N, C-alpha and C. Protein backbone atom coordinates (compact mmCIF):
# COMPACT_ATOMS: atom_id res chain seq x y z
N MET A 1 -14.03 16.55 1.85
CA MET A 1 -12.72 16.03 1.50
C MET A 1 -12.35 16.51 0.10
N ARG A 2 -11.13 16.93 -0.05
CA ARG A 2 -10.67 17.42 -1.35
C ARG A 2 -10.62 16.29 -2.37
N LYS A 3 -10.84 16.64 -3.64
CA LYS A 3 -10.79 15.64 -4.70
C LYS A 3 -9.36 15.12 -4.84
N PRO A 4 -9.21 13.81 -5.11
CA PRO A 4 -7.87 13.25 -5.31
C PRO A 4 -7.09 13.99 -6.40
N GLU A 5 -7.78 14.40 -7.45
CA GLU A 5 -7.12 15.11 -8.55
C GLU A 5 -6.46 16.41 -8.06
N ASP A 6 -7.13 17.10 -7.13
CA ASP A 6 -6.57 18.35 -6.59
C ASP A 6 -5.33 18.08 -5.75
N ILE A 7 -5.37 17.02 -4.97
CA ILE A 7 -4.21 16.67 -4.14
C ILE A 7 -3.04 16.25 -5.03
N ILE A 8 -3.33 15.47 -6.07
CA ILE A 8 -2.28 15.04 -7.00
C ILE A 8 -1.66 16.26 -7.68
N SER A 9 -2.49 17.21 -8.07
CA SER A 9 -1.99 18.43 -8.71
C SER A 9 -1.05 19.18 -7.77
N GLU A 10 -1.40 19.26 -6.51
CA GLU A 10 -0.56 19.93 -5.53
C GLU A 10 0.75 19.17 -5.30
N ILE A 11 0.66 17.85 -5.26
CA ILE A 11 1.88 17.04 -5.12
C ILE A 11 2.78 17.25 -6.33
N ARG A 12 2.22 17.16 -7.53
CA ARG A 12 2.99 17.36 -8.76
C ARG A 12 3.67 18.73 -8.75
N TYR A 13 2.95 19.76 -8.35
CA TYR A 13 3.52 21.11 -8.29
C TYR A 13 4.73 21.14 -7.35
N ASN A 14 4.60 20.55 -6.17
CA ASN A 14 5.70 20.57 -5.20
C ASN A 14 6.89 19.73 -5.65
N VAL A 15 6.62 18.63 -6.33
CA VAL A 15 7.72 17.82 -6.88
C VAL A 15 8.46 18.62 -7.95
N ASN A 16 7.71 19.17 -8.89
CA ASN A 16 8.32 19.87 -10.03
C ASN A 16 8.95 21.21 -9.68
N ASN A 17 8.37 21.94 -8.74
CA ASN A 17 8.84 23.29 -8.45
C ASN A 17 9.74 23.40 -7.22
N HIS A 18 9.65 22.42 -6.34
CA HIS A 18 10.42 22.52 -5.09
C HIS A 18 11.25 21.27 -4.79
N GLY A 19 11.14 20.27 -5.63
CA GLY A 19 11.91 19.04 -5.42
C GLY A 19 11.46 18.22 -4.23
N ILE A 20 10.28 18.51 -3.71
CA ILE A 20 9.75 17.77 -2.56
C ILE A 20 9.22 16.42 -3.05
N LYS A 21 9.65 15.35 -2.39
CA LYS A 21 9.23 14.02 -2.83
C LYS A 21 8.67 13.17 -1.69
N ASP A 22 8.56 13.76 -0.50
CA ASP A 22 8.03 13.03 0.65
C ASP A 22 6.84 13.82 1.21
N PHE A 23 5.70 13.16 1.30
CA PHE A 23 4.47 13.82 1.74
C PHE A 23 3.82 13.02 2.86
N THR A 24 3.37 13.74 3.88
CA THR A 24 2.71 13.11 5.02
C THR A 24 1.31 13.69 5.15
N PHE A 25 0.33 12.81 5.26
CA PHE A 25 -1.06 13.23 5.41
C PHE A 25 -1.43 13.19 6.89
N SER A 26 -1.74 14.36 7.43
CA SER A 26 -2.13 14.46 8.84
C SER A 26 -3.64 14.52 8.94
N ASP A 27 -4.28 13.50 8.43
CA ASP A 27 -5.73 13.42 8.41
C ASP A 27 -6.11 11.97 8.66
N GLU A 28 -6.61 11.70 9.86
CA GLU A 28 -6.90 10.30 10.20
C GLU A 28 -8.03 9.71 9.37
N THR A 29 -8.76 10.55 8.65
CA THR A 29 -9.84 10.03 7.81
C THR A 29 -9.39 9.78 6.37
N PHE A 30 -8.10 9.95 6.11
CA PHE A 30 -7.60 9.79 4.74
C PHE A 30 -7.94 8.41 4.18
N ASN A 31 -7.93 7.39 5.03
CA ASN A 31 -8.24 6.04 4.55
C ASN A 31 -9.65 5.60 4.92
N SER A 32 -10.53 6.54 5.24
CA SER A 32 -11.88 6.14 5.65
C SER A 32 -12.79 5.82 4.46
N ASN A 33 -12.40 6.22 3.27
CA ASN A 33 -13.18 5.94 2.07
C ASN A 33 -12.26 5.20 1.09
N MET A 34 -12.47 3.90 0.94
CA MET A 34 -11.56 3.10 0.12
C MET A 34 -11.66 3.43 -1.36
N THR A 35 -12.83 3.84 -1.83
CA THR A 35 -12.95 4.25 -3.23
C THR A 35 -12.05 5.46 -3.47
N TYR A 36 -12.07 6.39 -2.53
CA TYR A 36 -11.22 7.58 -2.59
C TYR A 36 -9.75 7.17 -2.56
N MET A 37 -9.40 6.31 -1.60
CA MET A 37 -8.01 5.88 -1.44
C MET A 37 -7.50 5.19 -2.70
N GLU A 38 -8.31 4.28 -3.25
CA GLU A 38 -7.89 3.57 -4.45
C GLU A 38 -7.75 4.52 -5.64
N ARG A 39 -8.65 5.49 -5.75
CA ARG A 39 -8.56 6.49 -6.83
C ARG A 39 -7.28 7.31 -6.68
N PHE A 40 -6.99 7.73 -5.46
CA PHE A 40 -5.78 8.50 -5.19
C PHE A 40 -4.55 7.70 -5.60
N CYS A 41 -4.48 6.44 -5.19
CA CYS A 41 -3.31 5.60 -5.51
C CYS A 41 -3.19 5.37 -7.01
N THR A 42 -4.31 5.15 -7.68
CA THR A 42 -4.30 4.96 -9.13
C THR A 42 -3.77 6.21 -9.83
N LEU A 43 -4.19 7.37 -9.37
CA LEU A 43 -3.74 8.63 -9.98
C LEU A 43 -2.25 8.86 -9.75
N ILE A 44 -1.76 8.56 -8.56
CA ILE A 44 -0.32 8.72 -8.27
C ILE A 44 0.48 7.87 -9.25
N GLU A 45 0.05 6.61 -9.42
CA GLU A 45 0.76 5.71 -10.34
C GLU A 45 0.64 6.19 -11.79
N ALA A 46 -0.56 6.61 -12.20
CA ALA A 46 -0.78 7.06 -13.57
C ALA A 46 0.06 8.29 -13.90
N GLU A 47 0.26 9.14 -12.92
CA GLU A 47 1.07 10.36 -13.10
C GLU A 47 2.56 10.03 -13.15
N GLY A 48 2.92 8.83 -12.69
CA GLY A 48 4.33 8.45 -12.64
C GLY A 48 5.11 9.21 -11.58
N LEU A 49 4.40 9.69 -10.58
CA LEU A 49 5.06 10.45 -9.50
C LEU A 49 5.82 9.48 -8.60
N LYS A 50 7.11 9.68 -8.50
CA LYS A 50 7.95 8.84 -7.65
C LYS A 50 8.12 9.56 -6.31
N VAL A 51 7.13 9.37 -5.45
CA VAL A 51 7.11 10.04 -4.15
C VAL A 51 6.96 9.01 -3.04
N THR A 52 7.28 9.43 -1.83
CA THR A 52 6.99 8.61 -0.66
C THR A 52 5.86 9.29 0.10
N LEU A 53 4.97 8.45 0.61
CA LEU A 53 3.77 8.94 1.27
C LEU A 53 3.61 8.27 2.62
N GLY A 54 3.10 9.00 3.56
CA GLY A 54 2.82 8.44 4.87
C GLY A 54 1.74 9.27 5.53
N GLY A 55 1.34 8.83 6.70
CA GLY A 55 0.34 9.61 7.42
C GLY A 55 -0.44 8.78 8.41
N GLN A 56 -1.47 9.42 8.91
CA GLN A 56 -2.35 8.78 9.88
C GLN A 56 -3.39 7.94 9.16
N GLY A 57 -3.88 6.94 9.86
CA GLY A 57 -4.92 6.11 9.28
C GLY A 57 -5.77 5.47 10.36
N ARG A 58 -6.95 5.10 9.97
CA ARG A 58 -7.86 4.42 10.89
C ARG A 58 -7.77 2.91 10.66
N ILE A 59 -7.97 2.17 11.71
CA ILE A 59 -8.08 0.72 11.59
C ILE A 59 -9.51 0.43 11.18
N THR A 60 -9.67 -0.09 9.97
CA THR A 60 -11.00 -0.44 9.47
C THR A 60 -10.91 -1.77 8.73
N ARG A 61 -12.04 -2.42 8.59
CA ARG A 61 -12.08 -3.71 7.88
C ARG A 61 -11.78 -3.53 6.40
N TRP A 62 -11.86 -2.30 5.92
CA TRP A 62 -11.60 -2.03 4.50
C TRP A 62 -10.11 -1.93 4.19
N MET A 63 -9.28 -1.95 5.22
CA MET A 63 -7.83 -1.95 4.99
C MET A 63 -7.41 -3.39 4.70
N THR A 64 -7.68 -3.81 3.48
CA THR A 64 -7.43 -5.18 3.05
C THR A 64 -6.02 -5.31 2.49
N PRO A 65 -5.53 -6.54 2.35
CA PRO A 65 -4.23 -6.73 1.72
C PRO A 65 -4.15 -6.09 0.33
N GLU A 66 -5.24 -6.15 -0.43
CA GLU A 66 -5.26 -5.57 -1.78
C GLU A 66 -5.10 -4.05 -1.72
N VAL A 67 -5.84 -3.40 -0.83
CA VAL A 67 -5.74 -1.94 -0.70
C VAL A 67 -4.35 -1.55 -0.23
N LEU A 68 -3.82 -2.28 0.73
CA LEU A 68 -2.50 -1.97 1.26
C LEU A 68 -1.40 -2.17 0.21
N ARG A 69 -1.53 -3.20 -0.62
CA ARG A 69 -0.55 -3.39 -1.71
C ARG A 69 -0.62 -2.22 -2.69
N LYS A 70 -1.83 -1.78 -2.99
CA LYS A 70 -2.00 -0.64 -3.90
C LYS A 70 -1.38 0.62 -3.28
N MET A 71 -1.57 0.80 -1.98
CA MET A 71 -0.97 1.94 -1.29
C MET A 71 0.55 1.87 -1.36
N LYS A 72 1.10 0.68 -1.16
CA LYS A 72 2.55 0.50 -1.23
C LYS A 72 3.07 0.85 -2.62
N GLN A 73 2.37 0.37 -3.65
CA GLN A 73 2.78 0.66 -5.04
C GLN A 73 2.75 2.16 -5.33
N ALA A 74 1.82 2.87 -4.68
CA ALA A 74 1.71 4.31 -4.90
C ALA A 74 2.79 5.09 -4.15
N GLY A 75 3.46 4.43 -3.20
CA GLY A 75 4.55 5.10 -2.49
C GLY A 75 4.39 5.20 -0.99
N PHE A 76 3.31 4.63 -0.45
CA PHE A 76 3.12 4.69 1.01
C PHE A 76 4.18 3.85 1.70
N TYR A 77 4.84 4.45 2.66
CA TYR A 77 5.89 3.76 3.42
C TYR A 77 5.50 3.57 4.89
N GLY A 78 4.52 4.33 5.39
CA GLY A 78 4.16 4.21 6.79
C GLY A 78 2.77 4.74 7.07
N ILE A 79 2.08 4.06 7.98
CA ILE A 79 0.76 4.50 8.44
C ILE A 79 0.80 4.51 9.96
N ASN A 80 0.38 5.62 10.54
CA ASN A 80 0.32 5.78 11.99
C ASN A 80 -1.13 5.55 12.42
N TYR A 81 -1.37 4.42 13.07
CA TYR A 81 -2.72 4.05 13.49
C TYR A 81 -2.98 4.49 14.93
N GLY A 82 -4.14 5.10 15.16
CA GLY A 82 -4.57 5.44 16.51
C GLY A 82 -5.24 4.25 17.16
N LEU A 83 -4.43 3.28 17.53
CA LEU A 83 -4.95 2.05 18.14
C LEU A 83 -5.50 2.33 19.53
N GLU A 84 -4.76 3.03 20.35
CA GLU A 84 -5.08 3.48 21.70
C GLU A 84 -5.04 2.39 22.76
N SER A 85 -5.46 1.16 22.44
CA SER A 85 -5.48 0.08 23.43
C SER A 85 -5.51 -1.26 22.72
N GLY A 86 -5.06 -2.29 23.42
CA GLY A 86 -5.18 -3.65 22.91
C GLY A 86 -6.27 -4.42 23.62
N SER A 87 -7.05 -3.73 24.43
CA SER A 87 -8.14 -4.34 25.19
C SER A 87 -9.47 -4.06 24.51
N ASP A 88 -10.22 -5.12 24.20
CA ASP A 88 -11.52 -4.94 23.56
C ASP A 88 -12.44 -4.07 24.41
N LYS A 89 -12.36 -4.23 25.73
CA LYS A 89 -13.21 -3.45 26.65
C LYS A 89 -12.94 -1.95 26.48
N VAL A 90 -11.68 -1.57 26.45
CA VAL A 90 -11.31 -0.15 26.33
C VAL A 90 -11.62 0.36 24.93
N ILE A 91 -11.28 -0.43 23.91
CA ILE A 91 -11.54 -0.03 22.53
C ILE A 91 -13.04 0.22 22.33
N ALA A 92 -13.88 -0.66 22.88
CA ALA A 92 -15.33 -0.49 22.76
C ALA A 92 -15.80 0.76 23.50
N ASP A 93 -15.26 0.99 24.70
CA ASP A 93 -15.65 2.16 25.47
C ASP A 93 -15.25 3.46 24.76
N MET A 94 -14.16 3.42 24.02
CA MET A 94 -13.71 4.58 23.24
C MET A 94 -14.52 4.75 21.95
N LYS A 95 -15.34 3.73 21.64
CA LYS A 95 -16.14 3.74 20.41
C LYS A 95 -15.26 3.89 19.16
N LYS A 96 -14.18 3.10 19.14
CA LYS A 96 -13.23 3.17 18.04
C LYS A 96 -13.76 2.52 16.75
N GLY A 97 -14.72 1.60 16.87
CA GLY A 97 -15.28 0.98 15.68
C GLY A 97 -14.53 -0.26 15.20
N PHE A 98 -13.66 -0.80 16.04
CA PHE A 98 -12.96 -2.04 15.70
C PHE A 98 -12.69 -2.79 17.00
N ASP A 99 -12.18 -4.00 16.87
CA ASP A 99 -11.77 -4.75 18.05
C ASP A 99 -10.30 -5.15 17.89
N ALA A 100 -9.76 -5.78 18.93
CA ALA A 100 -8.34 -6.13 18.92
C ALA A 100 -8.00 -7.10 17.79
N ALA A 101 -8.92 -8.01 17.47
CA ALA A 101 -8.66 -8.98 16.39
C ALA A 101 -8.52 -8.26 15.05
N LEU A 102 -9.38 -7.29 14.78
CA LEU A 102 -9.28 -6.54 13.53
C LEU A 102 -7.99 -5.72 13.53
N ALA A 103 -7.65 -5.12 14.65
CA ALA A 103 -6.40 -4.35 14.73
C ALA A 103 -5.21 -5.24 14.41
N CYS A 104 -5.20 -6.45 14.95
CA CYS A 104 -4.12 -7.40 14.68
C CYS A 104 -4.04 -7.70 13.19
N ARG A 105 -5.18 -7.96 12.57
CA ARG A 105 -5.22 -8.28 11.13
C ARG A 105 -4.70 -7.11 10.30
N VAL A 106 -5.14 -5.89 10.61
CA VAL A 106 -4.71 -4.72 9.85
C VAL A 106 -3.22 -4.46 10.03
N LEU A 107 -2.71 -4.60 11.25
CA LEU A 107 -1.28 -4.42 11.49
C LEU A 107 -0.46 -5.45 10.72
N ARG A 108 -0.91 -6.70 10.75
CA ARG A 108 -0.22 -7.77 10.02
C ARG A 108 -0.23 -7.49 8.52
N ASP A 109 -1.40 -7.16 7.99
CA ASP A 109 -1.52 -6.91 6.55
C ASP A 109 -0.71 -5.68 6.12
N THR A 110 -0.66 -4.67 6.97
CA THR A 110 0.14 -3.48 6.68
C THR A 110 1.61 -3.86 6.59
N HIS A 111 2.07 -4.60 7.58
CA HIS A 111 3.46 -5.06 7.62
C HIS A 111 3.78 -5.93 6.39
N GLU A 112 2.90 -6.87 6.08
CA GLU A 112 3.14 -7.78 4.97
C GLU A 112 3.11 -7.07 3.61
N ALA A 113 2.43 -5.92 3.54
CA ALA A 113 2.42 -5.13 2.31
C ALA A 113 3.71 -4.33 2.16
N GLY A 114 4.54 -4.33 3.20
CA GLY A 114 5.79 -3.57 3.15
C GLY A 114 5.65 -2.14 3.62
N ILE A 115 4.58 -1.86 4.34
CA ILE A 115 4.33 -0.53 4.88
C ILE A 115 4.58 -0.58 6.39
N ARG A 116 5.29 0.41 6.91
CA ARG A 116 5.55 0.47 8.35
C ARG A 116 4.25 0.76 9.09
N ALA A 117 3.94 -0.08 10.06
CA ALA A 117 2.77 0.14 10.92
C ALA A 117 3.25 0.76 12.22
N VAL A 118 2.83 1.98 12.47
CA VAL A 118 3.18 2.70 13.69
C VAL A 118 1.88 2.88 14.48
N VAL A 119 1.97 2.79 15.80
CA VAL A 119 0.75 2.85 16.61
C VAL A 119 0.88 3.90 17.72
N ASN A 120 -0.27 4.38 18.14
CA ASN A 120 -0.39 5.29 19.28
C ASN A 120 -1.23 4.60 20.35
N PHE A 121 -0.90 4.85 21.60
CA PHE A 121 -1.65 4.28 22.72
C PHE A 121 -2.01 5.36 23.72
N ILE A 122 -3.08 5.11 24.46
CA ILE A 122 -3.48 5.95 25.59
C ILE A 122 -3.54 5.04 26.81
N VAL A 123 -2.92 5.46 27.89
CA VAL A 123 -3.01 4.71 29.15
C VAL A 123 -3.76 5.55 30.16
N GLY A 124 -4.44 4.87 31.06
CA GLY A 124 -5.19 5.56 32.10
C GLY A 124 -6.58 5.98 31.68
N TYR A 125 -7.06 5.47 30.56
CA TYR A 125 -8.42 5.78 30.12
C TYR A 125 -9.39 5.28 31.19
N PRO A 126 -10.49 5.98 31.44
CA PRO A 126 -11.39 5.58 32.54
C PRO A 126 -11.84 4.12 32.52
N ALA A 127 -12.01 3.52 31.35
CA ALA A 127 -12.44 2.12 31.28
C ALA A 127 -11.29 1.14 31.48
N GLU A 128 -10.06 1.65 31.56
CA GLU A 128 -8.89 0.78 31.67
C GLU A 128 -8.60 0.45 33.13
N ASP A 129 -8.64 -0.85 33.42
CA ASP A 129 -8.22 -1.33 34.74
C ASP A 129 -6.94 -2.15 34.55
N GLU A 130 -6.49 -2.80 35.61
CA GLU A 130 -5.25 -3.58 35.51
C GLU A 130 -5.35 -4.69 34.47
N ILE A 131 -6.51 -5.33 34.40
CA ILE A 131 -6.70 -6.42 33.43
C ILE A 131 -6.63 -5.87 32.01
N ALA A 132 -7.30 -4.76 31.76
CA ALA A 132 -7.29 -4.16 30.42
C ALA A 132 -5.88 -3.71 30.04
N PHE A 133 -5.15 -3.16 31.00
CA PHE A 133 -3.77 -2.74 30.73
C PHE A 133 -2.91 -3.96 30.39
N ALA A 134 -3.11 -5.06 31.13
CA ALA A 134 -2.37 -6.29 30.85
C ALA A 134 -2.72 -6.83 29.46
N GLU A 135 -3.98 -6.69 29.05
CA GLU A 135 -4.38 -7.12 27.71
C GLU A 135 -3.67 -6.29 26.63
N THR A 136 -3.50 -5.01 26.89
CA THR A 136 -2.78 -4.15 25.94
C THR A 136 -1.32 -4.58 25.84
N LEU A 137 -0.70 -4.86 26.97
CA LEU A 137 0.69 -5.33 26.95
C LEU A 137 0.81 -6.65 26.19
N GLU A 138 -0.14 -7.55 26.41
CA GLU A 138 -0.13 -8.83 25.70
C GLU A 138 -0.34 -8.62 24.20
N PHE A 139 -1.24 -7.70 23.85
CA PHE A 139 -1.46 -7.38 22.44
C PHE A 139 -0.15 -6.91 21.80
N LEU A 140 0.56 -6.05 22.50
CA LEU A 140 1.86 -5.56 21.99
C LEU A 140 2.85 -6.70 21.83
N ARG A 141 2.91 -7.59 22.80
CA ARG A 141 3.83 -8.74 22.70
C ARG A 141 3.49 -9.61 21.49
N GLN A 142 2.21 -9.91 21.33
CA GLN A 142 1.79 -10.80 20.25
C GLN A 142 1.95 -10.17 18.87
N ASN A 143 1.91 -8.85 18.79
CA ASN A 143 1.94 -8.18 17.49
C ASN A 143 3.20 -7.38 17.24
N ALA A 144 4.18 -7.53 18.10
CA ALA A 144 5.43 -6.75 17.98
C ALA A 144 6.08 -6.93 16.61
N LYS A 145 5.96 -8.11 16.03
CA LYS A 145 6.60 -8.36 14.73
C LYS A 145 5.96 -7.55 13.60
N TYR A 146 4.75 -7.04 13.83
CA TYR A 146 4.05 -6.26 12.80
C TYR A 146 4.14 -4.76 13.04
N ILE A 147 4.57 -4.37 14.23
CA ILE A 147 4.59 -2.95 14.62
C ILE A 147 6.01 -2.42 14.46
N SER A 148 6.18 -1.42 13.60
CA SER A 148 7.50 -0.82 13.40
C SER A 148 7.89 0.08 14.55
N ALA A 149 6.92 0.78 15.13
CA ALA A 149 7.22 1.70 16.23
C ALA A 149 5.94 2.03 16.99
N VAL A 150 6.13 2.35 18.26
CA VAL A 150 5.06 2.96 19.04
C VAL A 150 5.38 4.45 19.03
N ASN A 151 4.52 5.22 18.38
CA ASN A 151 4.78 6.65 18.21
C ASN A 151 4.55 7.42 19.51
N THR A 152 3.38 7.24 20.09
CA THR A 152 3.08 7.93 21.35
C THR A 152 2.37 7.00 22.31
N VAL A 153 2.63 7.23 23.57
CA VAL A 153 1.85 6.64 24.65
C VAL A 153 1.42 7.83 25.49
N SER A 154 0.17 8.20 25.34
CA SER A 154 -0.36 9.38 26.03
C SER A 154 -1.09 8.95 27.29
N HIS A 155 -1.00 9.77 28.29
CA HIS A 155 -1.70 9.52 29.55
C HIS A 155 -3.03 10.25 29.52
N CYS A 156 -4.09 9.53 29.82
CA CYS A 156 -5.41 10.14 29.90
C CYS A 156 -5.66 10.53 31.35
N ARG A 157 -5.93 11.78 31.54
CA ARG A 157 -6.18 12.27 32.90
C ARG A 157 -7.42 13.14 32.87
N ILE A 158 -8.39 12.79 33.68
CA ILE A 158 -9.61 13.58 33.78
C ILE A 158 -9.65 14.14 35.19
N ASN A 159 -9.62 15.43 35.29
CA ASN A 159 -9.60 16.08 36.60
C ASN A 159 -10.98 16.07 37.25
N LYS A 160 -10.99 15.91 38.55
CA LYS A 160 -12.23 15.91 39.31
C LYS A 160 -12.97 17.22 39.06
N GLY A 161 -14.26 17.08 38.80
CA GLY A 161 -15.10 18.25 38.58
C GLY A 161 -15.08 18.78 37.16
N SER A 162 -14.38 18.10 36.28
CA SER A 162 -14.33 18.60 34.90
C SER A 162 -15.43 18.01 34.06
């Protein structure tokens, strides 16, 4: 992973030389190291860079209200989470590393920090049956107030013999 200082330098260059003020991180591991994330946010603020930031993120227990507030102060406006399902059975089978309760907490905390929580889903995953699909729909109903948008709903299809 690149050093936060290098990324800040690149952001500063683009702001100063090209007038670019909106940056999106297409790296789902960007928030996997909270020490890194906090350092990045601290540097953005210290530089006085008035930018908007967004990107992909993982649902982890380290996405606390404190971290999310710091991200908001640094300019984060949206995080696209690869939730994939609202069913604990499917989430566990995908080895996502979280459960539906943690996803709910992170979505709520993201929303309450003033950051748009966007989610992606996969339907038709091999572990998903009618009950698991219904659990995902119920998860969406219960958490709709925290979700700004559903970005993608992808169909999982595994061909016979593959």
